[in-house]
PDB file of N, CA and C in Angstrom:
ATOM      1  N   MET A   1       0.834  -1.159   0.000  1.00  0.00           N
ATOM      2  CA  MET A   1       0.000   0.000   0.000  1.00  0.00           C
ATOM      3  C   MET A   1       0.886   1.231   0.000  1.00  0.00           C
ATOM      4  N   THR A   2       0.748   2.027  -1.010  1.00  0.00           N
ATOM      5  CA  THR A   2       1.586   3.207  -1.118  1.00  0.00           C
ATOM      6  C   THR A   2       0.735   4.453  -1.171  1.00  0.00           C
ATOM      7  N   ALA A   3       1.384   5.610  -1.083  1.00  0.00           N
ATOM      8  CA  ALA A   3       0.674   6.877  -1.124  1.00  0.00           C
ATOM      9  C   ALA A   3      -0.043   7.081  -2.445  1.00  0.00           C
ATOM     10  N   SER A   4       0.395   6.417  -3.505  1.00  0.00           N
ATOM     11  CA  SER A   4      -0.228   6.588  -4.814  1.00  0.00           C
ATOM     12  C   SER A   4      -1.488   5.741  -4.982  1.00  0.00           C
ATOM     13  N   ASP A   5      -1.797   4.870  -4.029  1.00  0.00           N
ATOM     14  CA  ASP A   5      -3.003   4.052  -4.114  1.00  0.00           C
ATOM     15  C   ASP A   5      -4.240   4.923  -3.987  1.00  0.00           C
ATOM     16  N   ASP A   6      -5.320   4.531  -4.682  1.00  0.00           N
ATOM     17  CA  ASP A   6      -6.580   5.256  -4.609  1.00  0.00           C
ATOM     18  C   ASP A   6      -7.198   5.051  -3.237  1.00  0.00           C
ATOM     19  N   THR A   7      -7.496   6.132  -2.543  1.00  0.00           N
ATOM     20  CA  THR A   7      -8.096   6.037  -1.213  1.00  0.00           C
ATOM     21  C   THR A   7      -9.458   6.709  -1.176  1.00  0.00           C
ATOM     22  N   THR A   8     -10.081   6.920  -2.320  1.00  0.00           N
ATOM     23  CA  THR A   8     -11.374   7.580  -2.352  1.00  0.00           C
ATOM     24  C   THR A   8     -12.460   6.591  -2.730  1.00  0.00           C
ATOM     25  N   GLY A   9     -13.678   6.964  -2.458  1.00  0.00           N
ATOM     26  CA  GLY A   9     -14.809   6.126  -2.823  1.00  0.00           C
ATOM     27  C   GLY A   9     -15.242   5.234  -1.681  1.00  0.00           C
ATOM     28  N   PRO A  10     -16.485   4.756  -1.746  1.00  0.00           N
ATOM     29  CA  PRO A  10     -17.032   3.977  -0.633  1.00  0.00           C
ATOM     30  C   PRO A  10     -16.373   2.619  -0.428  1.00  0.00           C
ATOM     31  N   ARG A  11     -15.762   2.063  -1.460  1.00  0.00           N
ATOM     32  CA  ARG A  11     -15.160   0.734  -1.329  1.00  0.00           C
ATOM     33  C   ARG A  11     -13.643   0.780  -1.236  1.00  0.00           C
ATOM     34  N   ALA A  12     -13.073   1.955  -1.152  1.00  0.00           N
ATOM     35  CA  ALA A  12     -11.616   2.070  -1.198  1.00  0.00           C
ATOM     36  C   ALA A  12     -10.935   1.254  -0.102  1.00  0.00           C
ATOM     37  N   VAL A  13     -11.386   1.368   1.140  1.00  0.00           N
ATOM     38  CA  VAL A  13     -10.735   0.667   2.247  1.00  0.00           C
ATOM     39  C   VAL A  13     -10.880  -0.840   2.090  1.00  0.00           C
ATOM     40  N   SER A  14     -12.093  -1.325   1.867  1.00  0.00           N
ATOM     41  CA  SER A  14     -12.281  -2.773   1.765  1.00  0.00           C
ATOM     42  C   SER A  14     -11.559  -3.342   0.554  1.00  0.00           C
ATOM     43  N   THR A  15     -11.548  -2.605  -0.532  1.00  0.00           N
ATOM     44  CA  THR A  15     -10.845  -3.075  -1.727  1.00  0.00           C
ATOM     45  C   THR A  15      -9.355  -3.185  -1.464  1.00  0.00           C
ATOM     46  N   ARG A  16      -8.771  -2.201  -0.826  1.00  0.00           N
ATOM     47  CA  ARG A  16      -7.329  -2.227  -0.562  1.00  0.00           C
ATOM     48  C   ARG A  16      -6.958  -3.334   0.402  1.00  0.00           C
ATOM     49  N   LEU A  17      -7.794  -3.584   1.399  1.00  0.00           N
ATOM     50  CA  LEU A  17      -7.475  -4.617   2.374  1.00  0.00           C
ATOM     51  C   LEU A  17      -7.618  -6.015   1.796  1.00  0.00           C
ATOM     52  N   ILE A  18      -8.583  -6.209   0.927  1.00  0.00           N
ATOM     53  CA  ILE A  18      -8.830  -7.535   0.373  1.00  0.00           C
ATOM     54  C   ILE A  18      -7.894  -7.850  -0.785  1.00  0.00           C
ATOM     55  N   ALA A  19      -7.614  -6.885  -1.613  1.00  0.00           N
ATOM     56  CA  ALA A  19      -6.891  -7.152  -2.858  1.00  0.00           C
ATOM     57  C   ALA A  19      -5.601  -6.356  -2.989  1.00  0.00           C
ATOM     58  N   SER A  20      -4.890  -6.157  -1.896  1.00  0.00           N
ATOM     59  CA  SER A  20      -3.693  -5.317  -1.961  1.00  0.00           C
ATOM     60  C   SER A  20      -2.596  -5.903  -2.838  1.00  0.00           C
ATOM     61  N   ALA A  21      -2.563  -7.203  -3.013  1.00  0.00           N
ATOM     62  CA  ALA A  21      -1.501  -7.822  -3.816  1.00  0.00           C
ATOM     63  C   ALA A  21      -1.826  -7.867  -5.300  1.00  0.00           C
ATOM     64  N   THR A  22      -3.017  -7.453  -5.689  1.00  0.00           N
ATOM     65  CA  THR A  22      -3.414  -7.605  -7.086  1.00  0.00           C
ATOM     66  C   THR A  22      -3.123  -6.379  -7.934  1.00  0.00           C
ATOM     67  N   ARG A  23      -2.396  -5.422  -7.408  1.00  0.00           N
ATOM     68  CA  ARG A  23      -2.046  -4.238  -8.200  1.00  0.00           C
ATOM     69  C   ARG A  23      -1.183  -4.657  -9.377  1.00  0.00           C
ATOM     70  N   LYS A  24      -1.434  -4.045 -10.504  1.00  0.00           N
ATOM     71  CA  LYS A  24      -0.663  -4.359 -11.712  1.00  0.00           C
ATOM     72  C   LYS A  24       0.729  -3.756 -11.627  1.00  0.00           C
ATOM     73  N   GLY A  25       1.623  -4.287 -12.440  1.00  0.00           N
ATOM     74  CA  GLY A  25       2.966  -3.732 -12.526  1.00  0.00           C
ATOM     75  C   GLY A  25       3.921  -4.230 -11.469  1.00  0.00           C
ATOM     76  N   GLN A  26       3.591  -5.298 -10.788  1.00  0.00           N
ATOM     77  CA  GLN A  26       4.492  -5.820  -9.764  1.00  0.00           C
ATOM     78  C   GLN A  26       5.007  -7.212 -10.109  1.00  0.00           C
ATOM     79  N   GLY A  27       4.874  -7.603 -11.349  1.00  0.00           N
ATOM     80  CA  GLY A  27       5.383  -8.902 -11.767  1.00  0.00           C
ATOM     81  C   GLY A  27       4.561 -10.056 -11.233  1.00  0.00           C
ATOM     82  N   ARG A  28       5.050 -11.250 -11.406  1.00  0.00           N
ATOM     83  CA  ARG A  28       4.356 -12.441 -10.926  1.00  0.00           C
ATOM     84  C   ARG A  28       4.500 -12.524  -9.419  1.00  0.00           C
ATOM     85  N   ARG A  29       3.376 -12.743  -8.739  1.00  0.00           N
ATOM     86  CA  ARG A  29       3.384 -12.736  -7.285  1.00  0.00           C
ATOM     87  C   ARG A  29       2.168 -13.497  -6.758  1.00  0.00           C
ATOM     88  N   PRO A  30       2.224 -13.969  -5.530  1.00  0.00           N
ATOM     89  CA  PRO A  30       1.047 -14.613  -4.943  1.00  0.00           C
ATOM     90  C   PRO A  30       0.012 -13.556  -4.565  1.00  0.00           C
ATOM     91  N   VAL A  31      -1.239 -13.953  -4.503  1.00  0.00           N
ATOM     92  CA  VAL A  31      -2.290 -13.023  -4.084  1.00  0.00           C
ATOM     93  C   VAL A  31      -2.122 -12.669  -2.616  1.00  0.00           C
ATOM     94  N   ASN A  32      -1.798 -13.651  -1.798  1.00  0.00           N
ATOM     95  CA  ASN A  32      -1.593 -13.430  -0.368  1.00  0.00           C
ATOM     96  C   ASN A  32      -0.108 -13.526  -0.052  1.00  0.00           C
ATOM     97  N   PRO A  33       0.322 -12.887   1.031  1.00  0.00           N
ATOM     98  CA  PRO A  33       1.731 -13.044   1.404  1.00  0.00           C
ATOM     99  C   PRO A  33       2.003 -14.504   1.753  1.00  0.00           C
ATOM    100  N   PRO A  34       3.190 -14.990   1.435  1.00  0.00           N
ATOM    101  CA  PRO A  34       3.494 -16.388   1.742  1.00  0.00           C
ATOM    102  C   PRO A  34       3.506 -16.636   3.248  1.00  0.00           C
ATOM    103  N   VAL A  35       3.105 -17.814   3.640  1.00  0.00           N
ATOM    104  CA  VAL A  35       3.129 -18.187   5.048  1.00  0.00           C
ATOM    105  C   VAL A  35       4.503 -18.756   5.352  1.00  0.00           C
ATOM    106  N   GLU A  36       5.166 -18.168   6.307  1.00  0.00           N
ATOM    107  CA  GLU A  36       6.490 -18.632   6.723  1.00  0.00           C
ATOM    108  C   GLU A  36       6.360 -19.178   8.140  1.00  0.00           C
ATOM    109  N   ARG A  37       6.816 -20.382   8.333  1.00  0.00           N
ATOM    110  CA  ARG A  37       6.738 -20.988   9.656  1.00  0.00           C
ATOM    111  C   ARG A  37       8.132 -21.021  10.258  1.00  0.00           C
ATOM    112  N   ALA A  38       8.308 -20.257  11.302  1.00  0.00           N
ATOM    113  CA  ALA A  38       9.603 -20.240  11.980  1.00  0.00           C
ATOM    114  C   ALA A  38       9.401 -19.713  13.389  1.00  0.00           C
ATOM    115  N   SER A  39      10.030 -20.342  14.341  1.00  0.00           N
ATOM    116  CA  SER A  39       9.981 -19.814  15.698  1.00  0.00           C
ATOM    117  C   SER A  39      11.363 -19.364  16.153  1.00  0.00           C
ATOM    118  N   THR A  40      12.383 -19.853  15.503  1.00  0.00           N
ATOM    119  CA  THR A  40      13.751 -19.504  15.872  1.00  0.00           C
ATOM    120  C   THR A  40      14.470 -18.974  14.647  1.00  0.00           C
ATOM    121  N   MET A  41      15.108 -17.842  14.794  1.00  0.00           N
ATOM    122  CA  MET A  41      15.875 -17.246  13.709  1.00  0.00           C
ATOM    123  C   MET A  41      17.356 -17.392  14.059  1.00  0.00           C
ATOM    124  N   LEU A  42      18.142 -17.823  13.110  1.00  0.00           N
ATOM    125  CA  LEU A  42      19.576 -18.016  13.327  1.00  0.00           C
ATOM    126  C   LEU A  42      20.359 -16.812  12.835  1.00  0.00           C
ATOM    127  N   SER A  43      21.506 -16.608  13.435  1.00  0.00           N
ATOM    128  CA  SER A  43      22.386 -15.517  13.049  1.00  0.00           C
ATOM    129  C   SER A  43      23.825 -15.984  13.216  1.00  0.00           C
ATOM    130  N   ASP A  44      24.716 -15.419  12.415  1.00  0.00           N
ATOM    131  CA  ASP A  44      26.123 -15.807  12.509  1.00  0.00           C
ATOM    132  C   ASP A  44      26.783 -15.275  13.776  1.00  0.00           C
ATOM    133  N   HIS A  45      26.311 -14.118  14.253  1.00  0.00           N
ATOM    134  CA  HIS A  45      26.907 -13.482  15.431  1.00  0.00           C
ATOM    135  C   HIS A  45      25.802 -12.996  16.360  1.00  0.00           C
ATOM    136  N   ALA A  46      26.001 -13.121  17.659  1.00  0.00           N
ATOM    137  CA  ALA A  46      25.006 -12.672  18.632  1.00  0.00           C
ATOM    138  C   ALA A  46      24.727 -11.179  18.489  1.00  0.00           C
ATOM    139  N   ARG A  47      25.732 -10.397  18.138  1.00  0.00           N
ATOM    140  CA  ARG A  47      25.544  -8.947  18.005  1.00  0.00           C
ATOM    141  C   ARG A  47      24.540  -8.608  16.899  1.00  0.00           C
ATOM    142  N   ASP A  48      24.423  -9.497  15.909  1.00  0.00           N
ATOM    143  CA  ASP A  48      23.481  -9.256  14.815  1.00  0.00           C
ATOM    144  C   ASP A  48      22.033  -9.273  15.291  1.00  0.00           C
ATOM    145  N   LEU A  49      21.761  -9.942  16.394  1.00  0.00           N
ATOM    146  CA  LEU A  49      20.398 -10.009  16.911  1.00  0.00           C
ATOM    147  C   LEU A  49      19.910  -8.653  17.406  1.00  0.00           C
ATOM    148  N   ARG A  50      20.814  -7.734  17.672  1.00  0.00           N
ATOM    149  CA  ARG A  50      20.438  -6.390  18.124  1.00  0.00           C
ATOM    150  C   ARG A  50      20.235  -5.420  16.973  1.00  0.00           C
ATOM    151  N   ASP A  51      20.531  -5.838  15.762  1.00  0.00           N
ATOM    152  CA  ASP A  51      20.435  -4.959  14.590  1.00  0.00           C
ATOM    153  C   ASP A  51      19.155  -5.276  13.814  1.00  0.00           C
ATOM    154  N   ALA A  52      18.126  -4.463  14.008  1.00  0.00           N
ATOM    155  CA  ALA A  52      16.821  -4.706  13.375  1.00  0.00           C
ATOM    156  C   ALA A  52      16.883  -4.643  11.851  1.00  0.00           C
ATOM    157  N   SER A  53      17.874  -3.953  11.303  1.00  0.00           N
ATOM    158  CA  SER A  53      17.969  -3.839   9.844  1.00  0.00           C
ATOM    159  C   SER A  53      18.344  -5.168   9.182  1.00  0.00           C
ATOM    160  N   LEU A  54      18.816  -6.132   9.962  1.00  0.00           N
ATOM    161  CA  LEU A  54      19.217  -7.431   9.416  1.00  0.00           C
ATOM    162  C   LEU A  54      18.055  -8.420   9.342  1.00  0.00           C
ATOM    163  N   GLY A  55      16.881  -8.006   9.788  1.00  0.00           N
ATOM    164  CA  GLY A  55      15.715  -8.880   9.710  1.00  0.00           C
ATOM    165  C   GLY A  55      15.194  -9.256  11.077  1.00  0.00           C
ATOM    166  N   PRO A  56      14.183 -10.112  11.086  1.00  0.00           N
ATOM    167  CA  PRO A  56      13.552 -10.485  12.358  1.00  0.00           C
ATOM    168  C   PRO A  56      14.490 -11.294  13.245  1.00  0.00           C
ATOM    169  N   THR A  57      14.241 -11.204  14.557  1.00  0.00           N
ATOM    170  CA  THR A  57      15.044 -11.968  15.508  1.00  0.00           C
ATOM    171  C   THR A  57      14.239 -13.083  16.151  1.00  0.00           C
ATOM    172  N   TYR A  58      12.925 -13.049  15.977  1.00  0.00           N
ATOM    173  CA  TYR A  58      12.060 -14.088  16.512  1.00  0.00           C
ATOM    174  C   TYR A  58      11.029 -14.415  15.449  1.00  0.00           C
ATOM    175  N   GLY A  59      10.671 -15.680  15.322  1.00  0.00           N
ATOM    176  CA  GLY A  59       9.855 -16.145  14.216  1.00  0.00           C
ATOM    177  C   GLY A  59       8.522 -15.477  14.007  1.00  0.00           C
ATOM    178  N   ILE A  60       7.830 -15.049  15.075  1.00  0.00           N
ATOM    179  CA  ILE A  60       6.516 -14.451  14.858  1.00  0.00           C
ATOM    180  C   ILE A  60       6.596 -12.958  14.582  1.00  0.00           C
ATOM    181  N   GLU A  61       7.770 -12.400  14.651  1.00  0.00           N
ATOM    182  CA  GLU A  61       7.931 -10.965  14.439  1.00  0.00           C
ATOM    183  C   GLU A  61       8.457 -10.682  13.041  1.00  0.00           C
ATOM    184  N   ASP A  62       7.734  -9.899  12.292  1.00  0.00           N
ATOM    185  CA  ASP A  62       8.242  -9.295  11.062  1.00  0.00           C
ATOM    186  C   ASP A  62       8.497 -10.241   9.897  1.00  0.00           C
ATOM    187  N   LEU A  63       7.887 -11.412   9.872  1.00  0.00           N
ATOM    188  CA  LEU A  63       7.952 -12.212   8.658  1.00  0.00           C
ATOM    189  C   LEU A  63       6.970 -11.602   7.665  1.00  0.00           C
ATOM    190  N   SER A  64       6.939 -12.057   6.429  1.00  0.00           N
ATOM    191  CA  SER A  64       6.183 -11.362   5.380  1.00  0.00           C
ATOM    192  C   SER A  64       4.691 -11.234   5.676  1.00  0.00           C
ATOM    193  N   ALA A  65       4.059 -12.243   6.248  1.00  0.00           N
ATOM    194  CA  ALA A  65       2.632 -12.138   6.568  1.00  0.00           C
ATOM    195  C   ALA A  65       2.404 -11.082   7.647  1.00  0.00           C
ATOM    196  N   GLY A  66       3.282 -11.029   8.628  1.00  0.00           N
ATOM    197  CA  GLY A  66       3.178 -10.014   9.676  1.00  0.00           C
ATOM    198  C   GLY A  66       3.398  -8.613   9.143  1.00  0.00           C
ATOM    199  N   GLN A  67       4.324  -8.470   8.214  1.00  0.00           N
ATOM    200  CA  GLN A  67       4.564  -7.163   7.602  1.00  0.00           C
ATOM    201  C   GLN A  67       3.338  -6.692   6.840  1.00  0.00           C
ATOM    202  N   ALA A  68       2.698  -7.594   6.091  1.00  0.00           N
ATOM    203  CA  ALA A  68       1.491  -7.234   5.344  1.00  0.00           C
ATOM    204  C   ALA A  68       0.374  -6.826   6.300  1.00  0.00           C
ATOM    205  N   LEU A  69       0.236  -7.538   7.402  1.00  0.00           N
ATOM    206  CA  LEU A  69      -0.775  -7.185   8.394  1.00  0.00           C
ATOM    207  C   LEU A  69      -0.472  -5.823   9.005  1.00  0.00           C
ATOM    208  N   ASN A  70       0.787  -5.578   9.348  1.00  0.00           N
ATOM    209  CA  ASN A  70       1.166  -4.281   9.915  1.00  0.00           C
ATOM    210  C   ASN A  70       0.866  -3.139   8.956  1.00  0.00           C
ATOM    211  N   GLU A  71       1.128  -3.332   7.666  1.00  0.00           N
ATOM    212  CA  GLU A  71       0.839  -2.295   6.673  1.00  0.00           C
ATOM    213  C   GLU A  71      -0.658  -2.020   6.584  1.00  0.00           C
ATOM    214  N   ALA A  72      -1.464  -3.080   6.588  1.00  0.00           N
ATOM    215  CA  ALA A  72      -2.917  -2.911   6.515  1.00  0.00           C
ATOM    216  C   ALA A  72      -3.446  -2.201   7.758  1.00  0.00           C
ATOM    217  N   LEU A  73      -2.954  -2.578   8.930  1.00  0.00           N
ATOM    218  CA  LEU A  73      -3.392  -1.925  10.160  1.00  0.00           C
ATOM    219  C   LEU A  73      -2.948  -0.468  10.211  1.00  0.00           C
ATOM    220  N   ALA A  74      -1.738  -0.195   9.758  1.00  0.00           N
ATOM    221  CA  ALA A  74      -1.255   1.190   9.728  1.00  0.00           C
ATOM    222  C   ALA A  74      -2.124   2.040   8.813  1.00  0.00           C
ATOM    223  N   TYR A  75      -2.541   1.472   7.679  1.00  0.00           N
ATOM    224  CA  TYR A  75      -3.424   2.203   6.771  1.00  0.00           C
ATOM    225  C   TYR A  75      -4.758   2.501   7.450  1.00  0.00           C
ATOM    226  N   LEU A  76      -5.334   1.503   8.121  1.00  0.00           N
ATOM    227  CA  LEU A  76      -6.619   1.694   8.793  1.00  0.00           C
ATOM    228  C   LEU A  76      -6.532   2.730   9.905  1.00  0.00           C
ATOM    229  N   GLU A  77      -5.415   2.732  10.630  1.00  0.00           N
ATOM    230  CA  GLU A  77      -5.248   3.651  11.749  1.00  0.00           C
ATOM    231  C   GLU A  77      -4.845   5.048  11.310  1.00  0.00           C
ATOM    232  N   GLY A  78      -4.457   5.175  10.042  1.00  0.00           N
ATOM    233  CA  GLY A  78      -4.084   6.491   9.517  1.00  0.00           C
ATOM    234  C   GLY A  78      -2.692   6.789   9.772  1.00  0.00           C
TER     235      GLY A  78
END
């Protein structure tokens, strides 16, 4: 969901939440974010676990499905 997405009209919110992956121009992609199952994330160095830019440190945090949910909730909350 980007600033260029249409946010007007009575169905804008429901349309964006239901079909956010169907925007054209993004190449071949799944309709829904892929489900990733992980509870433990590995790292080469313990210090890397403190660097959020390197990715999630725990399996339920920040995997692709969680990121999509966070984006949708952020849009709803404004």
